[in-house]
C-alpha atoms as a PDB file:
ATOM      1  CA  MET A   1      76.618 291.141 -19.400  1.00  0.00           C
ATOM      2  CA  THR A   2      78.620 288.193 -20.969  1.00  0.00           C
ATOM      3  CA  ALA A   3      78.366 286.627 -24.650  1.00  0.00           C
ATOM      4  CA  ASP A   4      76.053 284.125 -25.139  1.00  0.00           C
ATOM      5  CA  SER A   5      79.013 281.540 -25.927  1.00  0.00           C
ATOM      6  CA  LEU A   6      80.823 282.231 -23.155  1.00  0.00           C
ATOM      7  CA  LEU A   7      78.099 280.370 -20.539  1.00  0.00           C
ATOM      8  CA  PRO A   8      77.990 277.321 -22.169  1.00  0.00           C
ATOM      9  CA  ALA A   9      82.006 277.031 -22.355  1.00  0.00           C
ATOM     10  CA  LEU A  10      82.156 278.363 -18.903  1.00  0.00           C
ATOM     11  CA  GLY A  11      79.476 275.652 -17.527  1.00  0.00           C
ATOM     12  CA  ALA A  12      81.570 272.800 -19.592  1.00  0.00           C
ATOM     13  CA  ALA A  13      84.825 274.072 -17.962  1.00  0.00           C
ATOM     14  CA  VAL A  14      83.532 273.925 -14.202  1.00  0.00           C
ATOM     15  CA  ARG A  15      81.823 270.422 -14.983  1.00  0.00           C
ATOM     16  CA  HIS A  16      85.051 269.284 -16.206  1.00  0.00           C
ATOM     17  CA  ALA A  17      86.474 270.381 -12.666  1.00  0.00           C
ATOM     18  CA  ALA A  18      84.282 268.849 -10.790  1.00  0.00           C
ATOM     19  CA  HIS A  19      84.569 265.548 -13.003  1.00  0.00           C
ATOM     20  CA  PRO A  20      87.804 265.050 -14.491  1.00  0.00           C
ATOM     21  CA  ALA A  21      87.975 261.565 -14.975  1.00  0.00           C
ATOM     22  CA  ARG A  22      85.183 261.282 -17.374  1.00  0.00           C
ATOM     23  CA  ALA A  23      84.061 263.194 -20.267  1.00  0.00           C
ATOM     24  CA  VAL A  24      82.552 266.503 -20.162  1.00  0.00           C
ATOM     25  CA  PRO A  25      78.789 266.091 -19.123  1.00  0.00           C
ATOM     26  CA  GLY A  26      75.987 267.555 -21.275  1.00  0.00           C
ATOM     27  CA  PRO A  27      74.322 270.732 -21.108  1.00  0.00           C
ATOM     28  CA  ARG A  28      73.432 272.661 -17.981  1.00  0.00           C
ATOM     29  CA  GLY A  29      71.369 270.553 -16.004  1.00  0.00           C
ATOM     30  CA  ALA A  30      72.038 267.025 -17.222  1.00  0.00           C
ATOM     31  CA  CYS A  31      75.054 266.069 -14.950  1.00  0.00           C
ATOM     32  CA  PRO A  32      74.703 262.496 -13.746  1.00  0.00           C
ATOM     33  CA  CYS A  33      75.943 263.869 -10.136  1.00  0.00           C
ATOM     34  CA  GLY A  34      72.393 265.459 -10.171  1.00  0.00           C
ATOM     35  CA  ALA A  35      74.251 269.441  -9.764  1.00  0.00           C
ATOM     36  CA  GLU A  36      73.349 271.694 -11.951  1.00  0.00           C
ATOM     37  CA  ASP A  37      75.415 274.592 -13.347  1.00  0.00           C
ATOM     38  CA  THR A  38      74.162 278.028 -11.183  1.00  0.00           C
ATOM     39  CA  LEU A  39      75.022 281.573 -12.843  1.00  0.00           C
ATOM     40  CA  LEU A  40      76.235 283.503  -9.407  1.00  0.00           C
ATOM     41  CA  ALA A  41      77.231 286.499 -11.239  1.00  0.00           C
ATOM     42  CA  ASP A  42      77.613 288.175 -14.726  1.00  0.00           C
ATOM     43  CA  ARG A  43      78.864 291.458 -14.461  1.00  0.00           C
ATOM     44  CA  ASP A  44      81.421 293.876 -16.427  1.00  0.00           C
ATOM     45  CA  ASP A  45      83.909 292.555 -14.130  1.00  0.00           C
ATOM     46  CA  GLY A  46      83.121 288.712 -14.135  1.00  0.00           C
ATOM     47  CA  THR A  47      80.922 285.816 -14.828  1.00  0.00           C
ATOM     48  CA  VAL A  48      81.020 283.264 -11.992  1.00  0.00           C
ATOM     49  CA  VAL A  49      79.260 279.425 -12.761  1.00  0.00           C
ATOM     50  CA  ARG A  50      79.259 276.965  -9.900  1.00  0.00           C
ATOM     51  CA  HIS A  51      78.801 273.225 -10.439  1.00  0.00           C
ATOM     52  CA  GLY A  52      78.483 271.296  -7.026  1.00  0.00           C
ATOM     53  CA  ASP A  53      81.525 272.083  -4.858  1.00  0.00           C
ATOM     54  CA  PHE A  54      83.620 273.826  -7.983  1.00  0.00           C
ATOM     55  CA  VAL A  55      83.354 277.455  -9.510  1.00  0.00           C
ATOM     56  CA  ALA A  56      84.633 278.854 -12.802  1.00  0.00           C
ATOM     57  CA  LYS A  57      85.344 282.322 -13.304  1.00  0.00           C
ATOM     58  CA  ALA A  58      85.754 284.249 -16.666  1.00  0.00           C
ATOM     59  CA  HIS A  59      87.742 287.041 -15.365  1.00  0.00           C
ATOM     60  CA  ALA A  60      86.795 290.936 -17.212  1.00  0.00           C
ATOM     61  CA  PRO A  61      87.849 291.020 -20.497  1.00  0.00           C
ATOM     62  CA  ASP A  62      90.522 293.661 -20.385  1.00  0.00           C
ATOM     63  CA  THR A  63      92.488 291.754 -17.334  1.00  0.00           C
ATOM     64  CA  ASP A  64      96.281 291.713 -17.614  1.00  0.00           C
ATOM     65  CA  PRO A  65      97.085 288.336 -17.660  1.00  0.00           C
ATOM     66  CA  THR A  66     100.961 289.615 -16.445  1.00  0.00           C
ATOM     67  CA  ALA A  67      99.309 290.837 -13.297  1.00  0.00           C
ATOM     68  CA  LEU A  68      96.580 288.216 -12.780  1.00  0.00           C
ATOM     69  CA  ALA A  69      99.662 285.645 -12.268  1.00  0.00           C
ATOM     70  CA  PRO A  70     100.942 287.005  -9.055  1.00  0.00           C
ATOM     71  CA  ARG A  71      97.834 287.925  -7.588  1.00  0.00           C
ATOM     72  CA  LEU A  72      96.727 284.242  -8.065  1.00  0.00           C
ATOM     73  CA  ALA A  73      99.941 283.103  -6.725  1.00  0.00           C
ATOM     74  CA  VAL A  74      99.189 285.348  -3.387  1.00  0.00           C
ATOM     75  CA  ALA A  75      95.766 283.639  -3.049  1.00  0.00           C
ATOM     76  CA  ALA A  76      97.554 280.209  -3.255  1.00  0.00           C
ATOM     77  CA  SER A  77     100.126 280.867  -0.945  1.00  0.00           C
ATOM     78  CA  LEU A  78      97.743 282.590   2.235  1.00  0.00           C
ATOM     79  CA  PRO A  79      95.160 279.820   2.496  1.00  0.00           C
ATOM     80  CA  GLY A  80      93.286 280.649   5.568  1.00  0.00           C
ATOM     81  CA  ILE A  81      93.183 284.082   4.529  1.00  0.00           C
ATOM     82  CA  LEU A  82      92.315 284.368   0.849  1.00  0.00           C
ATOM     83  CA  LEU A  83      90.589 281.249  -1.099  1.00  0.00           C
ATOM     84  CA  PRO A  84      93.147 279.213  -2.831  1.00  0.00           C
ATOM     85  CA  PRO A  85      92.335 278.663  -6.725  1.00  0.00           C
ATOM     86  CA  LEU A  86      92.384 275.590  -8.114  1.00  0.00           C
ATOM     87  CA  ASN A  87      94.276 276.448 -11.275  1.00  0.00           C
ATOM     88  CA  PRO A  88      96.930 278.782 -10.449  1.00  0.00           C
ATOM     89  CA  THR A  89      97.530 279.256 -13.869  1.00  0.00           C
ATOM     90  CA  PRO A  90      94.655 280.798 -15.883  1.00  0.00           C
ATOM     91  CA  ALA A  91      93.105 278.956 -18.879  1.00  0.00           C
ATOM     92  CA  ASP A  92      91.758 280.684 -22.128  1.00  0.00           C
ATOM     93  CA  LEU A  93      88.681 280.465 -22.956  1.00  0.00           C
ATOM     94  CA  LEU A  94      86.813 282.404 -26.195  1.00  0.00           C
ATOM     95  CA  GLY A  95      89.531 285.308 -25.520  1.00  0.00           C
ATOM     96  CA  ARG A  96      88.835 285.594 -21.077  1.00  0.00           C
ATOM     97  CA  ARG A  97      91.157 284.199 -18.585  1.00  0.00           C
ATOM     98  CA  VAL A  98      89.184 281.788 -16.458  1.00  0.00           C
ATOM     99  CA  THR A  99      90.044 280.712 -13.076  1.00  0.00           C
ATOM    100  CA  LEU A 100      88.942 277.488 -11.400  1.00  0.00           C
ATOM    101  CA  TRP A 101      87.835 277.514  -7.220  1.00  0.00           C
ATOM    102  CA  PRO A 102      86.330 275.621  -4.597  1.00  0.00           C
ATOM    103  CA  TYR A 103      82.858 276.676  -3.683  1.00  0.00           C
ATOM    104  CA  GLY A 104      82.274 279.206  -0.688  1.00  0.00           C
ATOM    105  CA  GLY A 105      79.559 279.868   1.395  1.00  0.00           C
ATOM    106  CA  PRO A 106      78.369 283.337   0.877  1.00  0.00           C
ATOM    107  CA  VAL A 107      77.182 285.580   3.690  1.00  0.00           C
ATOM    108  CA  ASP A 108      73.490 285.515   3.956  1.00  0.00           C
ATOM    109  CA  PRO A 109      72.321 289.013   2.776  1.00  0.00           C
ATOM    110  CA  ASP A 110      68.875 288.361   4.694  1.00  0.00           C
ATOM    111  CA  THR A 111      70.397 288.079   8.318  1.00  0.00           C
ATOM    112  CA  PRO A 112      72.386 291.585   8.519  1.00  0.00           C
ATOM    113  CA  ASP A 113      72.637 290.959  12.123  1.00  0.00           C
ATOM    114  CA  ALA A 114      74.508 288.109  11.848  1.00  0.00           C
ATOM    115  CA  ALA A 115      76.961 290.027   9.617  1.00  0.00           C
ATOM    116  CA  PRO A 116      80.602 288.646   9.971  1.00  0.00           C
ATOM    117  CA  TRP A 117      82.248 291.958  10.567  1.00  0.00           C
ATOM    118  CA  GLU A 118      84.717 290.413  13.034  1.00  0.00           C
ATOM    119  CA  ALA A 119      86.020 287.913  10.669  1.00  0.00           C
ATOM    120  CA  ALA A 120      86.181 290.653   7.856  1.00  0.00           C
ATOM    121  CA  ALA A 121      88.169 292.939   9.940  1.00  0.00           C
ATOM    122  CA  THR A 122      90.608 290.215  11.358  1.00  0.00           C
ATOM    123  CA  LEU A 123      91.100 288.587   7.729  1.00  0.00           C
ATOM    124  CA  LEU A 124      92.266 291.892   6.449  1.00  0.00           C
ATOM    125  CA  ALA A 125      94.678 292.590   9.479  1.00  0.00           C
ATOM    126  CA  ARG A 126      96.122 289.381   8.821  1.00  0.00           C
ATOM    127  CA  LEU A 127      96.418 289.924   5.111  1.00  0.00           C
ATOM    128  CA  HIS A 128      97.971 293.700   5.975  1.00  0.00           C
ATOM    129  CA  ARG A 129     100.485 292.002   8.082  1.00  0.00           C
ATOM    130  CA  ALA A 130     101.312 289.497   5.319  1.00  0.00           C
ATOM    131  CA  PRO A 131     104.767 289.974   3.209  1.00  0.00           C
ATOM    132  CA  ALA A 132     103.910 291.163   0.118  1.00  0.00           C
ATOM    133  CA  PRO A 133     105.928 289.351  -2.602  1.00  0.00           C
ATOM    134  CA  GLN A 134     108.235 291.191  -5.067  1.00  0.00           C
ATOM    135  CA  GLY A 135     106.830 292.022  -8.550  1.00  0.00           C
ATOM    136  CA  LEU A 136     102.964 292.382  -7.052  1.00  0.00           C
ATOM    137  CA  PRO A 137     101.164 295.059  -8.880  1.00  0.00           C
ATOM    138  CA  SER A 138      99.388 298.024  -7.210  1.00  0.00           C
ATOM    139  CA  MET A 139      95.980 297.712  -5.562  1.00  0.00           C
ATOM    140  CA  ARG A 140      93.458 298.727  -8.025  1.00  0.00           C
ATOM    141  CA  GLY A 141      91.180 300.521  -5.464  1.00  0.00           C
ATOM    142  CA  PRO A 142      92.050 304.184  -6.660  1.00  0.00           C
ATOM    143  CA  VAL A 143      92.027 302.988 -10.166  1.00  0.00           C
ATOM    144  CA  LYS A 144      88.238 301.564  -9.898  1.00  0.00           C
ATOM    145  CA  ALA A 145      87.413 304.810  -8.383  1.00  0.00           C
ATOM    146  CA  ALA A 146      88.448 306.662 -11.396  1.00  0.00           C
ATOM    147  CA  ARG A 147      86.829 304.318 -13.871  1.00  0.00           C
ATOM    148  CA  ALA A 148      83.537 305.246 -11.727  1.00  0.00           C
ATOM    149  CA  MET A 149      84.249 308.887 -12.656  1.00  0.00           C
ATOM    150  CA  ALA A 150      84.511 308.298 -15.959  1.00  0.00           C
ATOM    151  CA  ARG A 151      81.540 306.290 -16.126  1.00  0.00           C
ATOM    152  CA  LEU A 152      79.630 309.172 -14.450  1.00  0.00           C
ATOM    153  CA  ARG A 153      80.892 311.638 -17.162  1.00  0.00           C
ATOM    154  CA  ALA A 154      79.861 309.693 -20.227  1.00  0.00           C
ATOM    155  CA  ALA A 155      76.503 309.414 -18.560  1.00  0.00           C
ATOM    156  CA  GLY A 156      75.677 312.783 -19.577  1.00  0.00           C
ATOM    157  CA  PRO A 157      73.980 315.811 -17.340  1.00  0.00           C
ATOM    158  CA  HIS A 158      72.494 314.609 -14.329  1.00  0.00           C
ATOM    159  CA  PRO A 159      71.313 317.052 -11.806  1.00  0.00           C
ATOM    160  CA  ALA A 160      73.380 315.008  -8.947  1.00  0.00           C
ATOM    161  CA  ALA A 161      76.474 314.765 -10.734  1.00  0.00           C
ATOM    162  CA  ALA A 162      78.087 318.357  -9.321  1.00  0.00           C
ATOM    163  CA  PRO A 163      78.545 317.441  -5.580  1.00  0.00           C
ATOM    164  CA  VAL A 164      79.820 314.229  -6.863  1.00  0.00           C
ATOM    165  CA  LEU A 165      82.613 316.201  -9.070  1.00  0.00           C
ATOM    166  CA  ARG A 166      83.201 318.465  -6.801  1.00  0.00           C
ATOM    167  CA  ALA A 167      84.172 315.948  -4.082  1.00  0.00           C
ATOM    168  CA  TRP A 168      86.212 313.907  -6.396  1.00  0.00           C
ATOM    169  CA  ALA A 169      88.165 317.298  -7.342  1.00  0.00           C
ATOM    170  CA  ALA A 170      89.144 317.915  -3.412  1.00  0.00           C
ATOM    171  CA  LEU A 171      90.703 314.605  -3.185  1.00  0.00           C
ATOM    172  CA  PRO A 172      94.230 313.920  -3.384  1.00  0.00           C
ATOM    173  CA  GLY A 173      95.886 312.497  -6.378  1.00  0.00           C
ATOM    174  CA  TRP A 174      96.643 309.048  -4.936  1.00  0.00           C
ATOM    175  CA  ALA A 175      93.160 308.699  -4.384  1.00  0.00           C
ATOM    176  CA  ARG A 176      92.392 309.288  -8.069  1.00  0.00           C
ATOM    177  CA  ALA A 177      94.912 307.166  -9.162  1.00  0.00           C
ATOM    178  CA  GLU A 178      97.089 310.098 -10.430  1.00  0.00           C
ATOM    179  CA  ALA A 179      99.790 309.960  -7.808  1.00  0.00           C
ATOM    180  CA  PRO A 180     101.734 307.211  -6.300  1.00  0.00           C
ATOM    181  CA  MET A 181      99.753 305.804  -2.852  1.00  0.00           C
ATOM    182  CA  PRO A 182     101.622 306.970   0.473  1.00  0.00           C
ATOM    183  CA  ASP A 183     102.079 303.221   1.246  1.00  0.00           C
ATOM    184  CA  ALA A 184     103.260 301.344  -1.768  1.00  0.00           C
ATOM    185  CA  THR A 185     104.556 298.160   0.370  1.00  0.00           C
ATOM    186  CA  THR A 186     101.522 296.693   2.137  1.00  0.00           C
ATOM    187  CA  LEU A 187      99.208 293.744   0.615  1.00  0.00           C
ATOM    188  CA  CYS A 188      95.821 294.967   0.540  1.00  0.00           C
ATOM    189  CA  HIS A 189      92.444 293.242  -1.030  1.00  0.00           C
ATOM    190  CA  GLY A 190      91.674 296.328  -2.901  1.00  0.00           C
ATOM    191  CA  ASP A 191      87.614 295.905  -2.808  1.00  0.00           C
ATOM    192  CA  LEU A 192      86.795 295.105   0.448  1.00  0.00           C
ATOM    193  CA  HIS A 193      82.550 294.124   1.016  1.00  0.00           C
ATOM    194  CA  LEU A 194      80.853 291.897   2.989  1.00  0.00           C
ATOM    195  CA  GLY A 195      80.378 289.742  -0.748  1.00  0.00           C
ATOM    196  CA  GLN A 196      84.067 289.147  -0.823  1.00  0.00           C
ATOM    197  CA  LEU A 197      83.345 286.719   1.936  1.00  0.00           C
ATOM    198  CA  VAL A 198      82.807 282.906   2.037  1.00  0.00           C
ATOM    199  CA  ARG A 199      83.044 280.135   4.203  1.00  0.00           C
ATOM    200  CA  HIS A 200      84.911 277.149   3.059  1.00  0.00           C
ATOM    201  CA  PRO A 201      84.224 274.455   3.152  1.00  0.00           C
ATOM    202  CA  ALA A 202      80.427 275.394   3.005  1.00  0.00           C
ATOM    203  CA  PRO A 203      78.155 276.056   4.520  1.00  0.00           C
ATOM    204  CA  ASP A 204      79.860 275.981   8.163  1.00  0.00           C
ATOM    205  CA  GLY A 205      83.405 276.143   7.650  1.00  0.00           C
ATOM    206  CA  PRO A 206      85.885 279.446   8.753  1.00  0.00           C
ATOM    207  CA  TRP A 207      85.472 282.830   6.915  1.00  0.00           C
ATOM    208  CA  VAL A 208      87.976 283.483   3.826  1.00  0.00           C
ATOM    209  CA  LEU A 209      88.505 286.681   1.673  1.00  0.00           C
ATOM    210  CA  ILE A 210      87.677 286.047  -2.069  1.00  0.00           C
ATOM    211  CA  ASP A 211      88.262 287.836  -5.415  1.00  0.00           C
ATOM    212  CA  VAL A 212      91.830 288.884  -5.514  1.00  0.00           C
ATOM    213  CA  ASP A 213      91.318 291.074  -9.396  1.00  0.00           C
ATOM    214  CA  ASP A 214      92.138 294.058  -7.569  1.00  0.00           C
ATOM    215  CA  LEU A 215      94.417 292.793  -4.775  1.00  0.00           C
ATOM    216  CA  GLY A 216      98.099 294.315  -4.832  1.00  0.00           C
ATOM    217  CA  VAL A 217     100.153 296.622  -2.859  1.00  0.00           C
ATOM    218  CA  GLY A 218      98.995 299.710  -1.363  1.00  0.00           C
ATOM    219  CA  ASP A 219      97.425 301.800   1.652  1.00  0.00           C
ATOM    220  CA  PRO A 220      95.729 299.511   3.583  1.00  0.00           C
ATOM    221  CA  THR A 221      93.075 302.457   4.417  1.00  0.00           C
ATOM    222  CA  TRP A 222      91.444 301.691   1.151  1.00  0.00           C
ATOM    223  CA  ASP A 223      90.572 297.911   2.626  1.00  0.00           C
ATOM    224  CA  LEU A 224      88.729 299.638   5.688  1.00  0.00           C
ATOM    225  CA  ALA A 225      86.786 302.593   3.497  1.00  0.00           C
ATOM    226  CA  ARG A 226      83.931 301.199   2.569  1.00  0.00           C
ATOM    227  CA  PRO A 227      82.605 300.208   5.822  1.00  0.00           C
ATOM    228  CA  ALA A 228      84.079 303.774   7.063  1.00  0.00           C
ATOM    229  CA  ALA A 229      82.065 305.613   4.464  1.00  0.00           C
ATOM    230  CA  TRP A 230      78.876 303.675   5.092  1.00  0.00           C
ATOM    231  CA  TYR A 231      79.180 304.685   8.881  1.00  0.00           C
ATOM    232  CA  ALA A 232      80.062 308.353   7.900  1.00  0.00           C
ATOM    233  CA  CYS A 233      77.104 308.621   5.484  1.00  0.00           C
ATOM    234  CA  GLY A 234      74.717 306.994   8.242  1.00  0.00           C
ATOM    235  CA  LEU A 235      74.408 303.626   6.481  1.00  0.00           C
ATOM    236  CA  LEU A 236      76.195 301.468   8.781  1.00  0.00           C
ATOM    237  CA  PRO A 237      74.849 301.334  12.040  1.00  0.00           C
ATOM    238  CA  PRO A 238      77.828 302.689  14.828  1.00  0.00           C
ATOM    239  CA  ASP A 239      78.037 299.208  16.454  1.00  0.00           C
ATOM    240  CA  GLU A 240      78.504 297.727  13.612  1.00  0.00           C
ATOM    241  CA  TRP A 241      81.104 299.800  12.323  1.00  0.00           C
ATOM    242  CA  PHE A 242      82.884 299.815  16.020  1.00  0.00           C
ATOM    243  CA  ARG A 243      82.755 295.807  15.893  1.00  0.00           C
ATOM    244  CA  PHE A 244      84.632 295.960  12.542  1.00  0.00           C
ATOM    245  CA  LEU A 245      87.235 298.585  13.997  1.00  0.00           C
ATOM    246  CA  THR A 246      87.782 296.861  16.885  1.00  0.00           C
ATOM    247  CA  ALA A 247      88.345 293.717  15.303  1.00  0.00           C
ATOM    248  CA  TYR A 248      90.889 295.277  13.188  1.00  0.00           C
ATOM    249  CA  ARG A 249      92.767 296.496  15.893  1.00  0.00           C
ATOM    250  CA  ASP A 250      92.593 293.699  18.218  1.00  0.00           C
ATOM    251  CA  ALA A 251      94.198 291.945  15.291  1.00  0.00           C
ATOM    252  CA  ASP A 252      96.940 294.507  14.872  1.00  0.00           C
ATOM    253  CA  GLY A 253      95.809 295.856  11.687  1.00  0.00           C
ATOM    254  CA  PRO A 254      98.176 298.299  10.699  1.00  0.00           C
ATOM    255  CA  ALA A 255      95.714 300.938   8.770  1.00  0.00           C
ATOM    256  CA  VAL A 256      94.855 302.685  11.940  1.00  0.00           C
ATOM    257  CA  PRO A 257      96.524 303.466  15.349  1.00  0.00           C
ATOM    258  CA  ALA A 258      96.005 301.073  17.627  1.00  0.00           C
ATOM    259  CA  ASP A 259      93.840 303.338  19.716  1.00  0.00           C
ATOM    260  CA  GLY A 260      91.968 307.034  19.536  1.00  0.00           C
ATOM    261  CA  ASP A 261      90.574 308.729  16.676  1.00  0.00           C
ATOM    262  CA  PRO A 262      90.815 306.748  13.573  1.00  0.00           C
ATOM    263  CA  TRP A 263      89.502 309.041  11.187  1.00  0.00           C
ATOM    264  CA  PRO A 264      92.630 311.254  10.525  1.00  0.00           C
ATOM    265  CA  ALA A 265      93.788 307.978   8.971  1.00  0.00           C
ATOM    266  CA  LEU A 266      91.072 306.585   6.953  1.00  0.00           C
ATOM    267  CA  ASP A 267      89.038 310.177   6.063  1.00  0.00           C
ATOM    268  CA  VAL A 268      90.643 310.372   2.343  1.00  0.00           C
ATOM    269  CA  ALA A 269      89.796 306.910   1.805  1.00  0.00           C
ATOM    270  CA  ALA A 270      86.588 306.685   3.130  1.00  0.00           C
ATOM    271  CA  ARG A 271      85.666 310.137   1.060  1.00  0.00           C
ATOM    272  CA  ALA A 272      86.981 308.088  -2.300  1.00  0.00           C
ATOM    273  CA  LEU A 273      84.826 305.408  -1.333  1.00  0.00           C
ATOM    274  CA  THR A 274      81.952 307.448  -1.089  1.00  0.00           C
ATOM    275  CA  VAL A 275      82.752 309.402  -4.263  1.00  0.00           C
ATOM    276  CA  GLN A 276      82.889 306.033  -6.145  1.00  0.00           C
ATOM    277  CA  THR A 277      79.736 304.790  -4.770  1.00  0.00           C
ATOM    278  CA  ALA A 278      77.851 307.763  -5.699  1.00  0.00           C
ATOM    279  CA  ALA A 279      79.237 308.074  -8.989  1.00  0.00           C
ATOM    280  CA  LEU A 280      78.215 304.676 -10.280  1.00  0.00           C
ATOM    281  CA  ALA A 281      74.712 305.454  -8.346  1.00  0.00           C
ATOM    282  CA  VAL A 282      74.284 308.589 -10.535  1.00  0.00           C
ATOM    283  CA  ALA A 283      75.382 306.835 -13.654  1.00  0.00           C
ATOM    284  CA  LYS A 284      73.078 304.043 -13.071  1.00  0.00           C
ATOM    285  CA  SER A 285      70.477 306.352 -12.117  1.00  0.00           C
ATOM    286  CA  ALA A 286      70.977 308.323 -16.020  1.00  0.00           C
ATOM    287  CA  ALA A 287      71.150 305.296 -17.944  1.00  0.00           C
ATOM    288  CA  ALA A 288      67.838 303.902 -16.771  1.00  0.00           C
ATOM    289  CA  ASP A 289      66.049 307.306 -16.698  1.00  0.00           C
ATOM    290  CA  ARG A 290      64.911 307.098 -12.868  1.00  0.00           C
ATOM    291  CA  PRO A 291      65.374 308.833  -9.705  1.00  0.00           C
ATOM    292  CA  LEU A 292      67.850 307.795  -6.962  1.00  0.00           C
ATOM    293  CA  ASP A 293      66.717 305.981  -4.292  1.00  0.00           C
ATOM    294  CA  GLU A 294      67.269 306.717  -0.978  1.00  0.00           C
ATOM    295  CA  VAL A 295      70.734 305.362  -0.434  1.00  0.00           C
ATOM    296  CA  GLN A 296      72.080 306.492  -3.484  1.00  0.00           C
ATOM    297  CA  GLN A 297      70.648 310.040  -2.285  1.00  0.00           C
ATOM    298  CA  ALA A 298      72.536 309.634   1.049  1.00  0.00           C
ATOM    299  CA  VAL A 299      75.816 309.035  -0.528  1.00  0.00           C
ATOM    300  CA  VAL A 300      75.347 312.209  -3.159  1.00  0.00           C
ATOM    301  CA  ASP A 301      74.463 313.956  -0.050  1.00  0.00           C
ATOM    302  CA  ALA A 302      77.575 312.780   1.511  1.00  0.00           C
ATOM    303  CA  CYS A 303      79.599 314.304  -1.426  1.00  0.00           C
ATOM    304  CA  ASP A 304      78.182 317.700  -1.104  1.00  0.00           C
ATOM    305  CA  ARG A 305      78.895 317.786   2.403  1.00  0.00           C
ATOM    306  CA  MET A 306      82.280 316.441   1.617  1.00  0.00           C
ATOM    307  CA  SER A 307      82.966 319.358  -0.994  1.00  0.00           C
ATOM    308  CA  ALA A 308      82.833 322.078   1.656  1.00  0.00           C
ATOM    309  CA  VAL A 309      84.964 320.548   4.490  1.00  0.00           C
ATOM    310  CA  PRO A 310      88.821 319.757   3.478  1.00  0.00           C
ATOM    311  CA  PRO A 311      89.710 316.473   4.305  1.00  0.00           C
ATOM    312  CA  GLU A 312      92.572 318.265   6.596  1.00  0.00           C
ATOM    313  CA  LEU A 313      89.670 319.475   8.800  1.00  0.00           C
ATOM    314  CA  ALA A 314      87.377 316.522   8.639  1.00  0.00           C
ATOM    315  CA  GLN A 315      86.719 314.277  11.649  1.00  0.00           C
ATOM    316  CA  GLY A 316      84.403 311.983  10.105  1.00  0.00           C
ATOM    317  CA  PHE A 317      83.104 313.924   6.819  1.00  0.00           C
ATOM    318  CA  ALA A 318      79.240 313.126   6.918  1.00  0.00           C
ATOM    319  CA  THR A 319      78.584 312.626  10.467  1.00  0.00           C
END
């Protein structure tokens, strides 16, 4: 959760972006335009406040400004794939890096049948085929997986931790952020899920990708790994997975072969995302002193199955 002092300051910043020609409106909800400040997210990795058609994001406290700047430059250079920032140079606000963005309409979680899997896959393929600028940092997916494991270990003993730790130990070093990625040239998003898509302009504009905090060069299979892992764990219906995979291939995405079995390419990254998801689930369960729910138990069970089948022998680790 963010510090209490940040929210009013972030609200003032986004109201100023919405109304630059006049004095910053007063407290939340008192703007003459009638729009109220809306807290869209407040997590360890960022706090996001909306005012009308504008959004302000305070990035994580440990954000490296020298890495964030080129990531924002990529977003500004690829409109139609990534949502462009309104301020390519982040502002400093109470020690946090703050960026401003146009508001985009999110995926509706209440209509899963309308999930934009084809749009997500097509945007990823276009991103993966875009040239990566010199000096762009590495995609942060494996680093986030390693942080999830550190959080699991810090949570203390838990009966579900052992299979997660075994599955983690079986991954190659690059998937644990302990060695270079096999591909260090492809432009990747780094944290693809349906929450990273918005329609801009809202509510009916085309889909674009958001959140460049993990964007960088690396192995593009990581961007397909979360839906692949959900499919392998039985959490994503086969038809939705094949919609996603087919759209990615139709858009000439380079992460998997154009036809045939995609799993030899995807298996390691899908395993890593499964372990990351399970590690966070167990850590949260331990912190809240509550049992795992059905979905959380499914990814832990998948880790148990994964640890019994080496990656080189797997053809869909949990199916």
